[in-house]
């Protein structure tokens, strides 16, 4: 039977992660960390496993938030070289992102800087959402900058973290409370050459169509003016897929 994704986050993984942390912070009680995970992980589903790791971080990393983030930055490893690899290479960073998701609003600037680096190895879409909710104006300005970044993963994150119906996350409409900024972020990405980014923008549009169809059609109408490139046309088609299924 194929291994379920949740089962990768087990005691063996805890040993791997503890080794990375201890290498950078020798005072880390890696044995107790591993034992805690091993004791509690077996009956946990996916997100509960992530929370178990975050609980263990809180217990065994008696540091300030900023110090923990600096430590996590030291274990990130090399950036992904292509658009692929987020889950095949970066999967082990999920609990790290979950920690930032729980505590990131403590320090907006520290969190944003770390999330930008995290997404180059894994993804920062979940960690960014609480920041959008608590600091909407500041967060949307960051996303505008990210939407023109040279790194494909950062550009994709600018779109993905705004999605209303992001999988593995609770529904959030925080980003569209500033609809002009929301439109600007997506507009910066509608001719992106990377399909990885195009899919995220299309998924954003598809989510918006389900919740606020008038707003989605407003965006589509603006994008269809003139002679839009093939990338934009593909994004629009991808964003309308749910509507086509129900028509």
Protein backbone atom coordinates (compact mmCIF):
# COMPACT_ATOMS: atom_id res chain seq x y z
CA UNK A 1 0.00 0.00 0.00
CA UNK A 2 1.45 3.43 -0.97
CA UNK A 3 2.53 5.60 1.93
CA UNK A 4 0.06 8.38 2.74
CA UNK A 5 1.44 11.91 2.74
CA UNK A 6 0.69 12.35 6.46
CA UNK A 7 2.82 9.31 7.26
CA UNK A 8 6.00 11.02 6.13
CA UNK A 9 5.74 13.19 9.25
CA UNK A 10 6.62 10.47 11.74
CA UNK A 11 9.35 9.63 14.26
CA UNK A 12 11.91 9.10 11.51
CA UNK A 13 11.14 12.53 10.16
CA UNK A 14 11.39 13.95 13.68
CA UNK A 15 14.89 12.46 13.88
CA UNK A 16 15.83 14.09 10.57
CA UNK A 17 14.46 17.47 11.63
CA UNK A 18 15.98 17.29 15.11
CA UNK A 19 19.39 16.59 13.60
CA UNK A 20 19.18 19.70 11.44
CA UNK A 21 18.16 21.86 14.40
CA UNK A 22 20.78 20.47 16.77
CA UNK A 23 23.52 21.06 14.23
CA UNK A 24 22.71 24.78 14.34
CA UNK A 25 21.74 24.98 18.03
CA UNK A 26 23.63 22.38 20.11
CA UNK A 27 21.53 23.06 23.23
CA UNK A 28 18.48 21.56 21.53
CA UNK A 29 17.13 18.52 23.41
CA UNK A 30 16.75 16.40 20.31
CA UNK A 31 16.10 13.15 22.17
CA UNK A 32 13.17 14.61 24.10
CA UNK A 33 11.83 16.23 20.94
CA UNK A 34 11.90 12.93 19.06
CA UNK A 35 10.35 11.03 21.98
CA UNK A 36 7.50 13.54 22.19
CA UNK A 37 6.72 13.16 18.49
CA UNK A 38 7.01 9.38 18.60
CA UNK A 39 4.60 9.19 21.53
CA UNK A 40 1.91 11.39 20.00
CA UNK A 41 2.07 11.01 16.24
CA UNK A 42 0.45 7.63 15.57
CA UNK A 43 -3.22 8.56 15.89
CA UNK A 44 -2.89 11.99 14.29
CA UNK A 45 -4.19 13.08 10.89
CA UNK A 46 -2.20 15.37 8.62
CA UNK A 47 -2.73 18.84 10.10
CA UNK A 48 -2.80 17.48 13.65
CA UNK A 49 0.65 16.02 12.98
CA UNK A 50 1.86 19.44 11.87
CA UNK A 51 0.47 20.95 15.06
CA UNK A 52 2.18 18.26 17.13
CA UNK A 53 5.51 19.39 15.69
CA UNK A 54 4.69 23.04 16.33
CA UNK A 55 3.76 22.23 19.93
CA UNK A 56 7.12 20.48 20.27
CA UNK A 57 8.94 23.50 18.79
CA UNK A 58 7.30 25.68 21.42
CA UNK A 59 8.32 23.30 24.18
CA UNK A 60 11.89 22.54 23.18
CA UNK A 61 12.93 25.84 21.57
CA UNK A 62 12.76 28.23 24.57
CA UNK A 63 13.77 31.19 22.43
CA UNK A 64 12.16 34.40 21.23
CA UNK A 65 10.18 34.26 18.01
CA UNK A 66 12.92 36.14 16.20
CA UNK A 67 15.56 33.68 17.47
CA UNK A 68 13.52 30.68 16.38
CA UNK A 69 13.08 32.17 12.92
CA UNK A 70 16.82 32.82 12.66
CA UNK A 71 17.41 29.19 13.60
CA UNK A 72 14.91 27.97 11.01
CA UNK A 73 16.56 30.17 8.40
CA UNK A 74 19.85 28.38 9.07
CA UNK A 75 18.34 24.95 8.31
CA UNK A 76 16.46 25.89 5.12
CA UNK A 77 19.04 24.54 2.72
CA UNK A 78 19.39 25.40 -0.99
CA UNK A 79 16.69 27.03 -3.09
CA UNK A 80 14.70 24.97 -5.58
CA UNK A 81 16.21 25.30 -9.02
CA UNK A 82 12.95 24.86 -10.96
CA UNK A 83 9.23 25.49 -10.50
CA UNK A 84 8.84 21.84 -9.53
CA UNK A 85 10.00 20.23 -6.30
CA UNK A 86 7.89 21.99 -3.70
CA UNK A 87 6.61 18.73 -2.22
CA UNK A 88 9.25 16.30 -3.46
CA UNK A 89 12.18 18.28 -2.03
CA UNK A 90 10.66 20.82 0.34
CA UNK A 91 8.04 18.65 2.05
CA UNK A 92 10.11 18.44 5.26
CA UNK A 93 9.64 22.17 5.86
CA UNK A 94 5.87 21.98 6.39
CA UNK A 95 5.99 22.15 10.23
CA UNK A 96 8.36 25.10 9.98
CA UNK A 97 5.79 26.97 7.90
CA UNK A 98 3.09 25.86 10.33
CA UNK A 99 5.04 27.44 13.18
CA UNK A 100 5.15 30.76 11.30
CA UNK A 101 1.45 30.42 10.51
CA UNK A 102 0.75 30.18 14.26
CA UNK A 103 3.13 32.86 15.50
CA UNK A 104 4.04 35.07 12.53
CA UNK A 105 1.82 38.00 13.46
CA UNK A 106 4.17 38.67 16.39
CA UNK A 107 6.61 40.36 14.01
CA UNK A 108 5.40 41.28 10.53
CA UNK A 109 8.75 42.19 9.00
CA UNK A 110 10.64 39.18 10.37
CA UNK A 111 7.89 36.85 9.20
CA UNK A 112 7.59 38.32 5.71
CA UNK A 113 11.35 38.13 5.15
CA UNK A 114 11.40 34.50 6.28
CA UNK A 115 8.32 33.49 4.27
CA UNK A 116 9.97 34.83 1.13
CA UNK A 117 12.94 32.56 1.76
CA UNK A 118 10.78 29.61 2.82
CA UNK A 119 8.74 29.68 -0.37
CA UNK A 120 11.91 29.34 -2.45
CA UNK A 121 12.35 25.89 -0.88
CA UNK A 122 8.76 24.86 -0.08
CA UNK A 123 5.81 27.27 0.10
CA UNK A 124 4.72 30.14 2.31
CA UNK A 125 1.07 30.39 1.31
CA UNK A 126 -0.33 29.19 4.66
CA UNK A 127 2.06 31.23 6.78
CA UNK A 128 1.19 34.41 4.89
CA UNK A 129 -2.58 34.27 5.37
CA UNK A 130 -2.69 35.35 9.05
CA UNK A 131 -0.50 38.32 8.11
CA UNK A 132 -2.95 39.34 5.39
CA UNK A 133 -5.77 39.17 7.91
CA UNK A 134 -4.03 41.15 10.67
CA UNK A 135 -1.99 43.58 8.54
CA UNK A 136 -3.97 43.84 5.27
CA UNK A 137 -2.50 47.09 3.95
CA UNK A 138 1.11 46.15 4.68
CA UNK A 139 0.62 42.61 3.41
CA UNK A 140 -0.93 43.67 0.11
CA UNK A 141 1.95 46.04 -0.54
CA UNK A 142 4.34 43.13 0.00
CA UNK A 143 2.34 40.95 -2.40
CA UNK A 144 2.50 43.63 -5.08
CA UNK A 145 6.29 43.57 -4.77
CA UNK A 146 6.41 39.78 -4.80
CA UNK A 147 4.24 39.62 -7.91
CA UNK A 148 7.12 41.12 -9.91
CA UNK A 149 9.91 39.14 -8.22
CA UNK A 150 12.53 37.34 -10.31
CA UNK A 151 11.89 34.08 -8.44
CA UNK A 152 9.01 31.98 -9.78
CA UNK A 153 8.12 30.66 -6.33
CA UNK A 154 7.84 34.15 -4.88
CA UNK A 155 5.62 35.28 -7.77
CA UNK A 156 3.42 32.23 -7.37
CA UNK A 157 3.14 32.85 -3.63
CA UNK A 158 1.88 36.40 -4.27
CA UNK A 159 -1.17 34.86 -5.89
CA UNK A 160 -1.58 31.60 -3.99
CA UNK A 161 -1.72 33.05 -0.48
CA UNK A 162 -4.65 35.30 -1.50
CA UNK A 163 -6.92 32.44 -2.59
CA UNK A 164 -10.32 32.38 -0.91
CA UNK A 165 -10.54 28.58 -0.89
CA UNK A 166 -6.92 27.54 -0.48
CA UNK A 167 -6.74 23.77 0.17
CA UNK A 168 -5.68 22.78 3.71
CA UNK A 169 -6.65 26.25 4.93
CA UNK A 170 -9.83 27.83 6.20
CA UNK A 171 -11.71 30.05 3.77
CA UNK A 172 -10.50 33.65 3.84
CA UNK A 173 -11.72 36.75 2.00
CA UNK A 174 -9.21 39.06 3.69
CA UNK A 175 -7.24 39.75 0.51
CA UNK A 176 -10.22 41.03 -1.47
CA UNK A 177 -11.13 43.55 1.24
CA UNK A 178 -8.64 45.69 -0.69
CA UNK A 179 -9.96 44.74 -4.10
CA UNK A 180 -7.86 47.21 -6.06
CA UNK A 181 -4.66 45.81 -4.57
CA UNK A 182 -5.92 42.26 -5.10
CA UNK A 183 -6.54 43.03 -8.78
CA UNK A 184 -3.11 44.65 -9.11
CA UNK A 185 -1.32 41.57 -7.76
CA UNK A 186 -3.10 39.29 -10.20
CA UNK A 187 -2.73 41.74 -13.10
CA UNK A 188 1.05 41.68 -12.60
CA UNK A 189 0.95 37.92 -13.17
CA UNK A 190 -1.46 37.43 -16.09
CA UNK A 191 1.29 37.12 -18.69
CA UNK A 192 3.70 35.16 -16.50
CA UNK A 193 5.54 32.58 -18.63
CA UNK A 194 5.49 29.89 -15.91
CA UNK A 195 2.49 27.54 -15.90
CA UNK A 196 3.11 27.12 -12.15
CA UNK A 197 2.16 30.78 -11.68
CA UNK A 198 -0.61 30.78 -14.27
CA UNK A 199 -2.40 27.91 -12.48
CA UNK A 200 -2.35 29.82 -9.21
CA UNK A 201 -3.84 32.95 -10.82
CA UNK A 202 -6.48 30.82 -12.53
CA UNK A 203 -7.29 29.09 -9.25
CA UNK A 204 -7.60 32.49 -7.60
CA UNK A 205 -10.07 33.55 -10.26
CA UNK A 206 -11.99 30.27 -9.95
CA UNK A 207 -12.33 30.75 -6.18
CA UNK A 208 -13.47 34.34 -6.69
CA UNK A 209 -16.06 33.24 -9.25
CA UNK A 210 -17.59 30.87 -6.69
CA UNK A 211 -17.84 33.53 -3.99
CA UNK A 212 -18.12 36.88 -5.79
CA UNK A 213 -18.93 36.24 -9.47
CA UNK A 214 -19.49 39.93 -10.24
CA UNK A 215 -15.98 40.77 -9.04
CA UNK A 216 -14.53 37.88 -11.05
CA UNK A 217 -16.29 39.06 -14.19
CA UNK A 218 -15.02 42.59 -13.59
CA UNK A 219 -11.46 41.25 -13.60
CA UNK A 220 -12.03 39.08 -16.67
CA UNK A 221 -13.56 42.02 -18.56
CA UNK A 222 -10.47 44.12 -17.88
CA UNK A 223 -8.11 41.33 -18.93
CA UNK A 224 -9.97 40.69 -22.18
CA UNK A 225 -9.52 44.24 -23.46
CA UNK A 226 -7.19 44.70 -26.41
CA UNK A 227 -5.36 41.63 -27.57
CA UNK A 228 -4.48 39.59 -24.46
CA UNK A 229 -1.58 37.12 -24.75
CA UNK A 230 -2.09 33.37 -24.74
CA UNK A 231 -1.04 33.15 -21.09
CA UNK A 232 -3.88 35.47 -20.06
CA UNK A 233 -6.40 33.57 -22.17
CA UNK A 234 -5.33 30.30 -20.56
CA UNK A 235 -5.67 31.81 -17.07
CA UNK A 236 -9.18 33.06 -17.86
CA UNK A 237 -10.19 29.64 -19.17
CA UNK A 238 -8.74 27.94 -16.10
CA UNK A 239 -10.52 30.43 -13.87
CA UNK A 240 -13.88 29.74 -15.47
CA UNK A 241 -13.71 25.93 -15.30
CA UNK A 242 -16.14 25.56 -12.40
CA UNK A 243 -18.67 27.83 -14.08
CA UNK A 244 -18.49 25.75 -17.25
CA UNK A 245 -19.20 22.57 -15.27
CA UNK A 246 -22.41 24.00 -13.86
CA UNK A 247 -23.68 25.59 -17.05
